Amino acid sequence: MEHHVEIFAGSAIMAMAVKNALENNAIKYIERNDINSAITAGFGSADKAVHIFVFEEDEEKARYALVDVNFDDLDEVGDEIVDE
């Protein structure tokens, strides 16, 4: 079973910047978008409604990729490991 690490939780706009940085560095990621889920269910959405996960072995490379693009909002960067 592969382990993923959450490297971002925040707004959809900031998530776009994170995904772009990961894609530019050929880092695979998983996006969990709670905004779409909330809309489908008829609920509002939370501030940190988009979550980005990378494989555990890519975590360090992913964090460097974010630093390289000056993405340093550490309040939005998580470190939770999730089993997939």
PDB file of N, CA and C in Angstrom:
ATOM      1  N   MET A   1       0.841  -1.171   0.000  1.00  0.00           N
ATOM      2  CA  MET A   1       0.000   0.000   0.000  1.00  0.00           C
ATOM      3  C   MET A   1       0.891   1.239   0.000  1.00  0.00           C
ATOM      4  N   GLU A   2       0.594   2.172  -0.876  1.00  0.00           N
ATOM      5  CA  GLU A   2       1.389   3.387  -0.989  1.00  0.00           C
ATOM      6  C   GLU A   2       0.902   4.429   0.004  1.00  0.00           C
ATOM      7  N   HIS A   3       1.840   5.202   0.512  1.00  0.00           N
ATOM      8  CA  HIS A   3       1.498   6.259   1.457  1.00  0.00           C
ATOM      9  C   HIS A   3       1.621   7.608   0.767  1.00  0.00           C
ATOM     10  N   HIS A   4       0.679   8.470   1.069  1.00  0.00           N
ATOM     11  CA  HIS A   4       0.699   9.829   0.548  1.00  0.00           C
ATOM     12  C   HIS A   4       0.835  10.804   1.703  1.00  0.00           C
ATOM     13  N   VAL A   5       1.432  11.945   1.408  1.00  0.00           N
ATOM     14  CA  VAL A   5       1.623  12.998   2.384  1.00  0.00           C
ATOM     15  C   VAL A   5       0.876  14.225   1.883  1.00  0.00           C
ATOM     16  N   GLU A   6       0.101  14.827   2.769  1.00  0.00           N
ATOM     17  CA  GLU A   6      -0.586  16.063   2.397  1.00  0.00           C
ATOM     18  C   GLU A   6       0.419  17.199   2.470  1.00  0.00           C
ATOM     19  N   ILE A   7       0.619  17.890   1.343  1.00  0.00           N
ATOM     20  CA  ILE A   7       1.562  19.006   1.342  1.00  0.00           C
ATOM     21  C   ILE A   7       0.856  20.348   1.242  1.00  0.00           C
ATOM     22  N   PHE A   8      -0.459  20.328   1.028  1.00  0.00           N
ATOM     23  CA  PHE A   8      -1.189  21.588   0.910  1.00  0.00           C
ATOM     24  C   PHE A   8      -2.645  21.378   1.276  1.00  0.00           C
ATOM     25  N   ALA A   9      -3.200  22.356   1.968  1.00  0.00           N
ATOM     26  CA  ALA A   9      -4.637  22.437   2.215  1.00  0.00           C
ATOM     27  C   ALA A   9      -4.987  23.908   2.198  1.00  0.00           C
ATOM     28  N   GLY A  10      -5.833  24.303   1.260  1.00  0.00           N
ATOM     29  CA  GLY A  10      -6.170  25.717   1.166  1.00  0.00           C
ATOM     30  C   GLY A  10      -7.169  25.994   0.081  1.00  0.00           C
ATOM     31  N   SER A  11      -7.120  27.200  -0.430  1.00  0.00           N
ATOM     32  CA  SER A  11      -8.079  27.650  -1.428  1.00  0.00           C
ATOM     33  C   SER A  11      -7.793  27.036  -2.795  1.00  0.00           C
ATOM     34  N   ALA A  12      -8.807  27.053  -3.641  1.00  0.00           N
ATOM     35  CA  ALA A  12      -8.665  26.512  -4.998  1.00  0.00           C
ATOM     36  C   ALA A  12      -7.637  27.298  -5.802  1.00  0.00           C
ATOM     37  N   ILE A  13      -7.573  28.600  -5.600  1.00  0.00           N
ATOM     38  CA  ILE A  13      -6.622  29.429  -6.345  1.00  0.00           C
ATOM     39  C   ILE A  13      -5.191  29.099  -5.950  1.00  0.00           C
ATOM     40  N   MET A  14      -4.931  28.978  -4.656  1.00  0.00           N
ATOM     41  CA  MET A  14      -3.590  28.625  -4.214  1.00  0.00           C
ATOM     42  C   MET A  14      -3.233  27.194  -4.634  1.00  0.00           C
ATOM     43  N   ALA A  15      -4.225  26.315  -4.655  1.00  0.00           N
ATOM     44  CA  ALA A  15      -3.991  24.934  -5.083  1.00  0.00           C
ATOM     45  C   ALA A  15      -3.523  24.890  -6.528  1.00  0.00           C
ATOM     46  N   MET A  16      -4.033  25.796  -7.353  1.00  0.00           N
ATOM     47  CA  MET A  16      -3.591  25.842  -8.752  1.00  0.00           C
ATOM     48  C   MET A  16      -2.096  26.128  -8.836  1.00  0.00           C
ATOM     49  N   ALA A  17      -1.601  27.027  -7.989  1.00  0.00           N
ATOM     50  CA  ALA A  17      -0.171  27.344  -7.973  1.00  0.00           C
ATOM     51  C   ALA A  17       0.647  26.150  -7.511  1.00  0.00           C
ATOM     52  N   VAL A  18       0.142  25.439  -6.502  1.00  0.00           N
ATOM     53  CA  VAL A  18       0.839  24.251  -5.997  1.00  0.00           C
ATOM     54  C   VAL A  18       0.904  23.185  -7.084  1.00  0.00           C
ATOM     55  N   LYS A  19      -0.239  22.922  -7.726  1.00  0.00           N
ATOM     56  CA  LYS A  19      -0.279  21.896  -8.784  1.00  0.00           C
ATOM     57  C   LYS A  19       0.644  22.260  -9.932  1.00  0.00           C
ATOM     58  N   ASN A  20       0.695  23.529 -10.295  1.00  0.00           N
ATOM     59  CA  ASN A  20       1.578  23.974 -11.373  1.00  0.00           C
ATOM     60  C   ASN A  20       3.042  23.719 -11.023  1.00  0.00           C
ATOM     61  N   ALA A  21       3.425  24.033  -9.794  1.00  0.00           N
ATOM     62  CA  ALA A  21       4.809  23.800  -9.359  1.00  0.00           C
ATOM     63  C   ALA A  21       5.144  22.311  -9.391  1.00  0.00           C
ATOM     64  N   LEU A  22       4.210  21.478  -8.956  1.00  0.00           N
ATOM     65  CA  LEU A  22       4.440  20.030  -8.968  1.00  0.00           C
ATOM     66  C   LEU A  22       4.554  19.508 -10.398  1.00  0.00           C
ATOM     67  N   GLU A  23       3.655  19.950 -11.257  1.00  0.00           N
ATOM     68  CA  GLU A  23       3.680  19.507 -12.660  1.00  0.00           C
ATOM     69  C   GLU A  23       4.970  19.930 -13.346  1.00  0.00           C
ATOM     70  N   ASN A  24       5.438  21.144 -13.073  1.00  0.00           N
ATOM     71  CA  ASN A  24       6.686  21.625 -13.680  1.00  0.00           C
ATOM     72  C   ASN A  24       7.900  20.828 -13.224  1.00  0.00           C
ATOM     73  N   ASN A  25       7.765  20.110 -12.117  1.00  0.00           N
ATOM     74  CA  ASN A  25       8.853  19.282 -11.598  1.00  0.00           C
ATOM     75  C   ASN A  25       8.569  17.791 -11.742  1.00  0.00           C
ATOM     76  N   ALA A  26       7.576  17.456 -12.561  1.00  0.00           N
ATOM     77  CA  ALA A  26       7.212  16.062 -12.854  1.00  0.00           C
ATOM     78  C   ALA A  26       6.922  15.259 -11.583  1.00  0.00           C
ATOM     79  N   ILE A  27       6.221  15.887 -10.648  1.00  0.00           N
ATOM     80  CA  ILE A  27       5.839  15.224  -9.406  1.00  0.00           C
ATOM     81  C   ILE A  27       4.359  14.890  -9.481  1.00  0.00           C
ATOM     82  N   LYS A  28       4.039  13.613  -9.346  1.00  0.00           N
ATOM     83  CA  LYS A  28       2.649  13.182  -9.380  1.00  0.00           C
ATOM     84  C   LYS A  28       1.956  13.568  -8.080  1.00  0.00           C
ATOM     85  N   TYR A  29       0.689  13.934  -8.189  1.00  0.00           N
ATOM     86  CA  TYR A  29      -0.066  14.340  -7.004  1.00  0.00           C
ATOM     87  C   TYR A  29      -1.510  13.865  -7.109  1.00  0.00           C
ATOM     88  N   ILE A  30      -2.167  13.909  -5.976  1.00  0.00           N
ATOM     89  CA  ILE A  30      -3.597  13.621  -5.893  1.00  0.00           C
ATOM     90  C   ILE A  30      -4.252  14.859  -5.311  1.00  0.00           C
ATOM     91  N   GLU A  31      -5.353  15.270  -5.918  1.00  0.00           N
ATOM     92  CA  GLU A  31      -6.100  16.422  -5.423  1.00  0.00           C
ATOM     93  C   GLU A  31      -7.435  15.942  -4.853  1.00  0.00           C
ATOM     94  N   ARG A  32      -7.732  16.384  -3.645  1.00  0.00           N
ATOM     95  CA  ARG A  32      -9.051  16.149  -3.067  1.00  0.00           C
ATOM     96  C   ARG A  32      -9.719  17.509  -2.944  1.00  0.00           C
ATOM     97  N   ASN A  33     -10.790  17.685  -3.691  1.00  0.00           N
ATOM     98  CA  ASN A  33     -11.457  18.978  -3.743  1.00  0.00           C
ATOM     99  C   ASN A  33     -12.771  18.900  -2.983  1.00  0.00           C
ATOM    100  N   ASP A  34     -12.771  19.379  -1.750  1.00  0.00           N
ATOM    101  CA  ASP A  34     -13.969  19.361  -0.926  1.00  0.00           C
ATOM    102  C   ASP A  34     -14.977  20.415  -1.360  1.00  0.00           C
ATOM    103  N   ILE A  35     -14.555  21.387  -2.161  1.00  0.00           N
ATOM    104  CA  ILE A  35     -15.478  22.402  -2.663  1.00  0.00           C
ATOM    105  C   ILE A  35     -16.510  21.742  -3.562  1.00  0.00           C
ATOM    106  N   ASN A  36     -16.028  20.937  -4.517  1.00  0.00           N
ATOM    107  CA  ASN A  36     -16.957  20.251  -5.424  1.00  0.00           C
ATOM    108  C   ASN A  36     -17.866  19.299  -4.665  1.00  0.00           C
ATOM    109  N   SER A  37     -17.326  18.613  -3.684  1.00  0.00           N
ATOM    110  CA  SER A  37     -18.135  17.693  -2.882  1.00  0.00           C
ATOM    111  C   SER A  37     -19.213  18.455  -2.120  1.00  0.00           C
ATOM    112  N   ALA A  38     -18.856  19.609  -1.568  1.00  0.00           N
ATOM    113  CA  ALA A  38     -19.814  20.401  -0.803  1.00  0.00           C
ATOM    114  C   ALA A  38     -20.919  20.940  -1.693  1.00  0.00           C
ATOM    115  N   ILE A  39     -20.558  21.375  -2.888  1.00  0.00           N
ATOM    116  CA  ILE A  39     -21.556  21.897  -3.821  1.00  0.00           C
ATOM    117  C   ILE A  39     -22.523  20.792  -4.221  1.00  0.00           C
ATOM    118  N   THR A  40     -21.981  19.620  -4.523  1.00  0.00           N
ATOM    119  CA  THR A  40     -22.817  18.487  -4.912  1.00  0.00           C
ATOM    120  C   THR A  40     -23.778  18.102  -3.792  1.00  0.00           C
ATOM    121  N   ALA A  41     -23.310  18.182  -2.564  1.00  0.00           N
ATOM    122  CA  ALA A  41     -24.131  17.809  -1.417  1.00  0.00           C
ATOM    123  C   ALA A  41     -25.055  18.943  -0.974  1.00  0.00           C
ATOM    124  N   GLY A  42     -24.842  20.147  -1.501  1.00  0.00           N
ATOM    125  CA  GLY A  42     -25.687  21.279  -1.133  1.00  0.00           C
ATOM    126  C   GLY A  42     -25.224  22.036   0.093  1.00  0.00           C
ATOM    127  N   PHE A  43     -23.950  21.855   0.474  1.00  0.00           N
ATOM    128  CA  PHE A  43     -23.390  22.545   1.633  1.00  0.00           C
ATOM    129  C   PHE A  43     -22.433  23.628   1.180  1.00  0.00           C
ATOM    130  N   GLY A  44     -22.059  24.500   2.096  1.00  0.00           N
ATOM    131  CA  GLY A  44     -21.022  25.485   1.821  1.00  0.00           C
ATOM    132  C   GLY A  44     -19.664  24.819   1.875  1.00  0.00           C
ATOM    133  N   SER A  45     -18.629  25.577   1.579  1.00  0.00           N
ATOM    134  CA  SER A  45     -17.284  25.006   1.617  1.00  0.00           C
ATOM    135  C   SER A  45     -16.435  25.703   2.669  1.00  0.00           C
ATOM    136  N   ALA A  46     -15.417  25.027   3.124  1.00  0.00           N
ATOM    137  CA  ALA A  46     -14.508  25.563   4.134  1.00  0.00           C
ATOM    138  C   ALA A  46     -13.360  26.306   3.463  1.00  0.00           C
ATOM    139  N   ASP A  47     -12.593  27.076   4.256  1.00  0.00           N
ATOM    140  CA  ASP A  47     -11.458  27.820   3.717  1.00  0.00           C
ATOM    141  C   ASP A  47     -10.393  26.896   3.126  1.00  0.00           C
ATOM    142  N   LYS A  48     -10.115  25.811   3.814  1.00  0.00           N
ATOM    143  CA  LYS A  48      -9.076  24.880   3.356  1.00  0.00           C
ATOM    144  C   LYS A  48      -9.744  23.678   2.716  1.00  0.00           C
ATOM    145  N   ALA A  49     -10.382  23.930   1.588  1.00  0.00           N
ATOM    146  CA  ALA A  49     -11.228  22.917   0.981  1.00  0.00           C
ATOM    147  C   ALA A  49     -10.537  22.104  -0.108  1.00  0.00           C
ATOM    148  N   VAL A  50      -9.340  22.494  -0.539  1.00  0.00           N
ATOM    149  CA  VAL A  50      -8.611  21.730  -1.546  1.00  0.00           C
ATOM    150  C   VAL A  50      -7.353  21.179  -0.883  1.00  0.00           C
ATOM    151  N   HIS A  51      -7.153  19.879  -1.040  1.00  0.00           N
ATOM    152  CA  HIS A  51      -6.016  19.200  -0.425  1.00  0.00           C
ATOM    153  C   HIS A  51      -5.181  18.557  -1.528  1.00  0.00           C
ATOM    154  N   ILE A  52      -3.872  18.729  -1.445  1.00  0.00           N
ATOM    155  CA  ILE A  52      -2.943  18.151  -2.420  1.00  0.00           C
ATOM    156  C   ILE A  52      -2.041  17.166  -1.681  1.00  0.00           C
ATOM    157  N   PHE A  53      -1.943  15.963  -2.234  1.00  0.00           N
ATOM    158  CA  PHE A  53      -1.128  14.897  -1.659  1.00  0.00           C
ATOM    159  C   PHE A  53      -0.093  14.446  -2.683  1.00  0.00           C
ATOM    160  N   VAL A  54       1.093  14.069  -2.206  1.00  0.00           N
ATOM    161  CA  VAL A  54       2.120  13.466  -3.051  1.00  0.00           C
ATOM    162  C   VAL A  54       2.552  12.157  -2.411  1.00  0.00           C
ATOM    163  N   PHE A  55       3.204  11.311  -3.196  1.00  0.00           N
ATOM    164  CA  PHE A  55       3.758  10.091  -2.628  1.00  0.00           C
ATOM    165  C   PHE A  55       4.780  10.470  -1.563  1.00  0.00           C
ATOM    166  N   GLU A  56       4.825   9.676  -0.516  1.00  0.00           N
ATOM    167  CA  GLU A  56       5.726   9.945   0.599  1.00  0.00           C
ATOM    168  C   GLU A  56       7.171  10.124   0.126  1.00  0.00           C
ATOM    169  N   GLU A  57       7.614   9.301  -0.819  1.00  0.00           N
ATOM    170  CA  GLU A  57       8.996   9.400  -1.279  1.00  0.00           C
ATOM    171  C   GLU A  57       9.261  10.664  -2.098  1.00  0.00           C
ATOM    172  N   ASP A  58       8.206  11.356  -2.556  1.00  0.00           N
ATOM    173  CA  ASP A  58       8.361  12.601  -3.310  1.00  0.00           C
ATOM    174  C   ASP A  58       8.186  13.854  -2.455  1.00  0.00           C
ATOM    175  N   GLU A  59       7.941  13.669  -1.158  1.00  0.00           N
ATOM    176  CA  GLU A  59       7.626  14.814  -0.302  1.00  0.00           C
ATOM    177  C   GLU A  59       8.727  15.874  -0.303  1.00  0.00           C
ATOM    178  N   GLU A  60       9.966  15.479  -0.099  1.00  0.00           N
ATOM    179  CA  GLU A  60      11.056  16.454  -0.029  1.00  0.00           C
ATOM    180  C   GLU A  60      11.194  17.211  -1.349  1.00  0.00           C
ATOM    181  N   LYS A  61      11.169  16.486  -2.450  1.00  0.00           N
ATOM    182  CA  LYS A  61      11.258  17.114  -3.772  1.00  0.00           C
ATOM    183  C   LYS A  61      10.096  18.086  -3.978  1.00  0.00           C
ATOM    184  N   ALA A  62       8.898  17.700  -3.546  1.00  0.00           N
ATOM    185  CA  ALA A  62       7.717  18.552  -3.702  1.00  0.00           C
ATOM    186  C   ALA A  62       7.855  19.828  -2.881  1.00  0.00           C
ATOM    187  N   ARG A  63       8.339  19.706  -1.662  1.00  0.00           N
ATOM    188  CA  ARG A  63       8.498  20.898  -0.810  1.00  0.00           C
ATOM    189  C   ARG A  63       9.549  21.853  -1.389  1.00  0.00           C
ATOM    190  N   TYR A  64      10.638  21.309  -1.943  1.00  0.00           N
ATOM    191  CA  TYR A  64      11.631  22.159  -2.602  1.00  0.00           C
ATOM    192  C   TYR A  64      11.027  22.852  -3.819  1.00  0.00           C
ATOM    193  N   ALA A  65      10.182  22.138  -4.555  1.00  0.00           N
ATOM    194  CA  ALA A  65       9.527  22.732  -5.729  1.00  0.00           C
ATOM    195  C   ALA A  65       8.663  23.914  -5.315  1.00  0.00           C
ATOM    196  N   LEU A  66       8.000  23.808  -4.182  1.00  0.00           N
ATOM    197  CA  LEU A  66       7.164  24.908  -3.701  1.00  0.00           C
ATOM    198  C   LEU A  66       8.009  26.090  -3.233  1.00  0.00           C
ATOM    199  N   VAL A  67       9.129  25.807  -2.595  1.00  0.00           N
ATOM    200  CA  VAL A  67      10.029  26.878  -2.164  1.00  0.00           C
ATOM    201  C   VAL A  67      10.594  27.603  -3.378  1.00  0.00           C
ATOM    202  N   ASP A  68      10.918  26.858  -4.431  1.00  0.00           N
ATOM    203  CA  ASP A  68      11.482  27.455  -5.644  1.00  0.00           C
ATOM    204  C   ASP A  68      10.545  28.474  -6.287  1.00  0.00           C
ATOM    205  N   VAL A  69       9.250  28.307  -6.112  1.00  0.00           N
ATOM    206  CA  VAL A  69       8.287  29.253  -6.694  1.00  0.00           C
ATOM    207  C   VAL A  69       7.770  30.229  -5.643  1.00  0.00           C
ATOM    208  N   ASN A  70       8.516  30.327  -4.530  1.00  0.00           N
ATOM    209  CA  ASN A  70       8.191  31.253  -3.446  1.00  0.00           C
ATOM    210  C   ASN A  70       6.831  30.978  -2.813  1.00  0.00           C
ATOM    211  N   PHE A  71       6.415  29.740  -2.832  1.00  0.00           N
ATOM    212  CA  PHE A  71       5.184  29.368  -2.144  1.00  0.00           C
ATOM    213  C   PHE A  71       5.595  28.970  -0.740  1.00  0.00           C
ATOM    214  N   ASP A  72       5.423  29.888   0.182  1.00  0.00           N
ATOM    215  CA  ASP A  72       5.900  29.613   1.535  1.00  0.00           C
ATOM    216  C   ASP A  72       4.843  29.908   2.590  1.00  0.00           C
ATOM    217  N   ASP A  73       3.584  29.723   2.236  1.00  0.00           N
ATOM    218  CA  ASP A  73       2.515  29.901   3.211  1.00  0.00           C
ATOM    219  C   ASP A  73       2.445  28.632   4.054  1.00  0.00           C
ATOM    220  N   LEU A  74       3.300  28.563   5.065  1.00  0.00           N
ATOM    221  CA  LEU A  74       3.445  27.343   5.840  1.00  0.00           C
ATOM    222  C   LEU A  74       2.184  26.964   6.599  1.00  0.00           C
ATOM    223  N   ASP A  75       1.288  27.912   6.842  1.00  0.00           N
ATOM    224  CA  ASP A  75       0.032  27.584   7.513  1.00  0.00           C
ATOM    225  C   ASP A  75      -0.818  26.647   6.662  1.00  0.00           C
ATOM    226  N   GLU A  76      -0.617  26.679   5.351  1.00  0.00           N
ATOM    227  CA  GLU A  76      -1.415  25.854   4.461  1.00  0.00           C
ATOM    228  C   GLU A  76      -0.728  24.549   4.087  1.00  0.00           C
ATOM    229  N   VAL A  77       0.491  24.354   4.550  1.00  0.00           N
ATOM    230  CA  VAL A  77       1.228  23.139   4.205  1.00  0.00           C
ATOM    231  C   VAL A  77       1.104  22.147   5.351  1.00  0.00           C
ATOM    232  N   GLY A  78       0.615  20.953   5.049  1.00  0.00           N
ATOM    233  CA  GLY A  78       0.406  19.929   6.061  1.00  0.00           C
ATOM    234  C   GLY A  78       1.462  18.855   6.015  1.00  0.00           C
ATOM    235  N   ASP A  79       1.354  17.890   6.935  1.00  0.00           N
ATOM    236  CA  ASP A  79       2.319  16.799   6.942  1.00  0.00           C
ATOM    237  C   ASP A  79       1.650  15.483   7.354  1.00  0.00           C
ATOM    238  N   GLU A  80       0.389  15.359   7.057  1.00  0.00           N
ATOM    239  CA  GLU A  80      -0.363  14.160   7.439  1.00  0.00           C
ATOM    240  C   GLU A  80      -0.148  13.054   6.411  1.00  0.00           C
ATOM    241  N   ILE A  81       0.107  11.844   6.866  1.00  0.00           N
ATOM    242  CA  ILE A  81       0.258  10.697   5.977  1.00  0.00           C
ATOM    243  C   ILE A  81      -1.088   9.993   5.875  1.00  0.00           C
ATOM    244  N   VAL A  82      -1.485   9.703   4.641  1.00  0.00           N
ATOM    245  CA  VAL A  82      -2.782   9.076   4.401  1.00  0.00           C
ATOM    246  C   VAL A  82      -2.561   7.806   3.592  1.00  0.00           C
ATOM    247  N   ASP A  83      -3.184   6.715   4.011  1.00  0.00           N
ATOM    248  CA  ASP A  83      -3.114   5.459   3.258  1.00  0.00           C
ATOM    249  C   ASP A  83      -4.107   5.516   2.116  1.00  0.00           C
ATOM    250  N   GLU A  84      -3.673   5.063   0.976  1.00  0.00           N
ATOM    251  CA  GLU A  84      -4.566   4.991  -0.201  1.00  0.00           C
ATOM    252  C   GLU A  84      -4.785   3.553  -0.552  1.00  0.00           C
TER     253      GLU A  84
END
